[in-house]
Amino acid sequence: MRKGTMCRYEPALLDLIDARTSLKPGDVVRVCHPYGCPKPGTMGHAHVETLDGEFVGLVQCASLIPVRRERVKHGCVDDS
């Protein structure tokens, strides 16, 4: 994962069992790198924010499925 990557949230097992965010499956988020925190992908986790820039929290990288920006812009986030 890289900072700025837009992803669809599909919770992996640990995020299902011990959810620390208010994200719902299918939510589109952006990977961020808050000051003083480890880089995205460190130990399989990444911090995420909404597309408006509101910080959400820490999730597993396995829960994040990258989506293309064009699909989000046109309202079609099903990247399958």
C-alpha atoms as a PDB file:
ATOM      1  CA  MET A   1       0.000   0.000   0.000  1.00  0.00           C
ATOM      2  CA  ARG A   2       1.118   3.522  -0.748  1.00  0.00           C
ATOM      3  CA  LYS A   3      -0.028   6.818   0.671  1.00  0.00           C
ATOM      4  CA  GLY A   4      -2.886   8.242  -1.399  1.00  0.00           C
ATOM      5  CA  THR A   5      -4.092   4.892  -2.758  1.00  0.00           C
ATOM      6  CA  MET A   6      -7.888   4.740  -2.935  1.00  0.00           C
ATOM      7  CA  CYS A   7      -9.282   1.410  -1.761  1.00  0.00           C
ATOM      8  CA  ARG A   8     -12.553  -0.376  -1.176  1.00  0.00           C
ATOM      9  CA  TYR A   9     -12.836  -1.716   2.382  1.00  0.00           C
ATOM     10  CA  GLU A  10     -13.683  -5.422   2.555  1.00  0.00           C
ATOM     11  CA  PRO A  11     -12.835  -6.517   6.127  1.00  0.00           C
ATOM     12  CA  ALA A  12     -10.405  -9.389   6.613  1.00  0.00           C
ATOM     13  CA  LEU A  13     -10.779 -11.773   9.553  1.00  0.00           C
ATOM     14  CA  LEU A  14      -9.019  -9.621  12.180  1.00  0.00           C
ATOM     15  CA  ASP A  15     -10.968  -6.514  11.146  1.00  0.00           C
ATOM     16  CA  LEU A  16     -14.205  -8.528  11.409  1.00  0.00           C
ATOM     17  CA  ILE A  17     -13.382  -9.884  14.867  1.00  0.00           C
ATOM     18  CA  ASP A  18     -11.810  -6.765  16.401  1.00  0.00           C
ATOM     19  CA  ALA A  19     -13.067  -3.791  14.387  1.00  0.00           C
ATOM     20  CA  ARG A  20     -11.585  -0.499  15.590  1.00  0.00           C
ATOM     21  CA  THR A  21     -13.254   1.675  12.946  1.00  0.00           C
ATOM     22  CA  SER A  22     -16.785   2.531  11.883  1.00  0.00           C
ATOM     23  CA  LEU A  23     -16.164   1.386   8.299  1.00  0.00           C
ATOM     24  CA  LYS A  24     -18.738  -0.774   6.545  1.00  0.00           C
ATOM     25  CA  PRO A  25     -17.913  -3.303   3.799  1.00  0.00           C
ATOM     26  CA  GLY A  26     -17.735  -1.511   0.448  1.00  0.00           C
ATOM     27  CA  ASP A  27     -16.730   1.897   1.845  1.00  0.00           C
ATOM     28  CA  VAL A  28     -14.154   3.712  -0.285  1.00  0.00           C
ATOM     29  CA  VAL A  29     -11.215   5.128   1.686  1.00  0.00           C
ATOM     30  CA  ARG A  30      -7.779   6.614   1.009  1.00  0.00           C
ATOM     31  CA  VAL A  31      -4.538   5.342   2.580  1.00  0.00           C
ATOM     32  CA  CYS A  32      -2.859   8.095   4.609  1.00  0.00           C
ATOM     33  CA  HIS A  33       0.343   8.503   6.637  1.00  0.00           C
ATOM     34  CA  PRO A  34      -0.208  10.525   9.828  1.00  0.00           C
ATOM     35  CA  TYR A  35       2.824  12.284  11.287  1.00  0.00           C
ATOM     36  CA  GLY A  36       4.786  10.056  13.666  1.00  0.00           C
ATOM     37  CA  CYS A  37       3.108   6.809  12.581  1.00  0.00           C
ATOM     38  CA  PRO A  38       4.675   3.873  10.711  1.00  0.00           C
ATOM     39  CA  LYS A  39       4.483   3.912   6.915  1.00  0.00           C
ATOM     40  CA  PRO A  40       1.516   2.163   5.261  1.00  0.00           C
ATOM     41  CA  GLY A  41       2.119  -1.567   4.938  1.00  0.00           C
ATOM     42  CA  THR A  42       4.298  -1.842   8.032  1.00  0.00           C
ATOM     43  CA  MET A  43       3.350  -5.106   9.746  1.00  0.00           C
ATOM     44  CA  GLY A  44       0.426  -5.478   7.323  1.00  0.00           C
ATOM     45  CA  HIS A  45      -1.530  -2.428   8.504  1.00  0.00           C
ATOM     46  CA  ALA A  46      -2.362   0.989   7.083  1.00  0.00           C
ATOM     47  CA  HIS A  47      -4.068   4.145   8.355  1.00  0.00           C
ATOM     48  CA  VAL A  48      -7.044   5.270   6.283  1.00  0.00           C
ATOM     49  CA  GLU A  49      -9.164   8.386   5.843  1.00  0.00           C
ATOM     50  CA  THR A  50     -12.418   9.170   4.055  1.00  0.00           C
ATOM     51  CA  LEU A  51     -12.285  10.787   0.631  1.00  0.00           C
ATOM     52  CA  ASP A  52     -13.129  14.072   2.427  1.00  0.00           C
ATOM     53  CA  GLY A  53      -9.925  13.785   4.475  1.00  0.00           C
ATOM     54  CA  GLU A  54     -11.493  12.705   7.797  1.00  0.00           C
ATOM     55  CA  PHE A  55      -9.192  10.268   9.641  1.00  0.00           C
ATOM     56  CA  VAL A  56     -10.804   6.848  10.208  1.00  0.00           C
ATOM     57  CA  GLY A  57      -8.178   4.635  11.835  1.00  0.00           C
ATOM     58  CA  LEU A  58      -5.928   1.614  11.383  1.00  0.00           C
ATOM     59  CA  VAL A  59      -6.957  -1.416   9.320  1.00  0.00           C
ATOM     60  CA  GLN A  60      -5.257  -4.468   7.868  1.00  0.00           C
ATOM     61  CA  CYS A  61      -3.843  -4.153   4.356  1.00  0.00           C
ATOM     62  CA  ALA A  62      -5.674  -7.396   3.530  1.00  0.00           C
ATOM     63  CA  SER A  63      -8.948  -5.494   4.054  1.00  0.00           C
ATOM     64  CA  LEU A  64      -8.092  -2.905   1.386  1.00  0.00           C
ATOM     65  CA  ILE A  65      -8.769  -3.570  -2.291  1.00  0.00           C
ATOM     66  CA  PRO A  66      -7.334  -0.870  -4.586  1.00  0.00           C
ATOM     67  CA  VAL A  67      -9.810   0.828  -6.953  1.00  0.00           C
ATOM     68  CA  ARG A  68      -9.134   3.007  -9.952  1.00  0.00           C
ATOM     69  CA  ARG A  69      -9.857   6.725  -9.576  1.00  0.00           C
ATOM     70  CA  GLU A  70     -11.988   6.826 -12.729  1.00  0.00           C
ATOM     71  CA  ARG A  71     -14.423   4.292 -11.267  1.00  0.00           C
ATOM     72  CA  VAL A  72     -14.816   6.333  -8.074  1.00  0.00           C
ATOM     73  CA  LYS A  73     -15.271   9.583 -10.017  1.00  0.00           C
ATOM     74  CA  HIS A  74     -18.141   8.092 -12.031  1.00  0.00           C
ATOM     75  CA  GLY A  75     -19.802   6.505  -8.995  1.00  0.00           C
ATOM     76  CA  CYS A  76     -18.920   2.962 -10.020  1.00  0.00           C
ATOM     77  CA  VAL A  77     -16.724   1.536  -7.272  1.00  0.00           C
ATOM     78  CA  ASP A  78     -17.304  -2.155  -7.989  1.00  0.00           C
ATOM     79  CA  ASP A  79     -13.824  -2.872  -9.372  1.00  0.00           C
ATOM     80  CA  SER A  80     -14.334  -6.581  -9.987  1.00  0.00           C
END
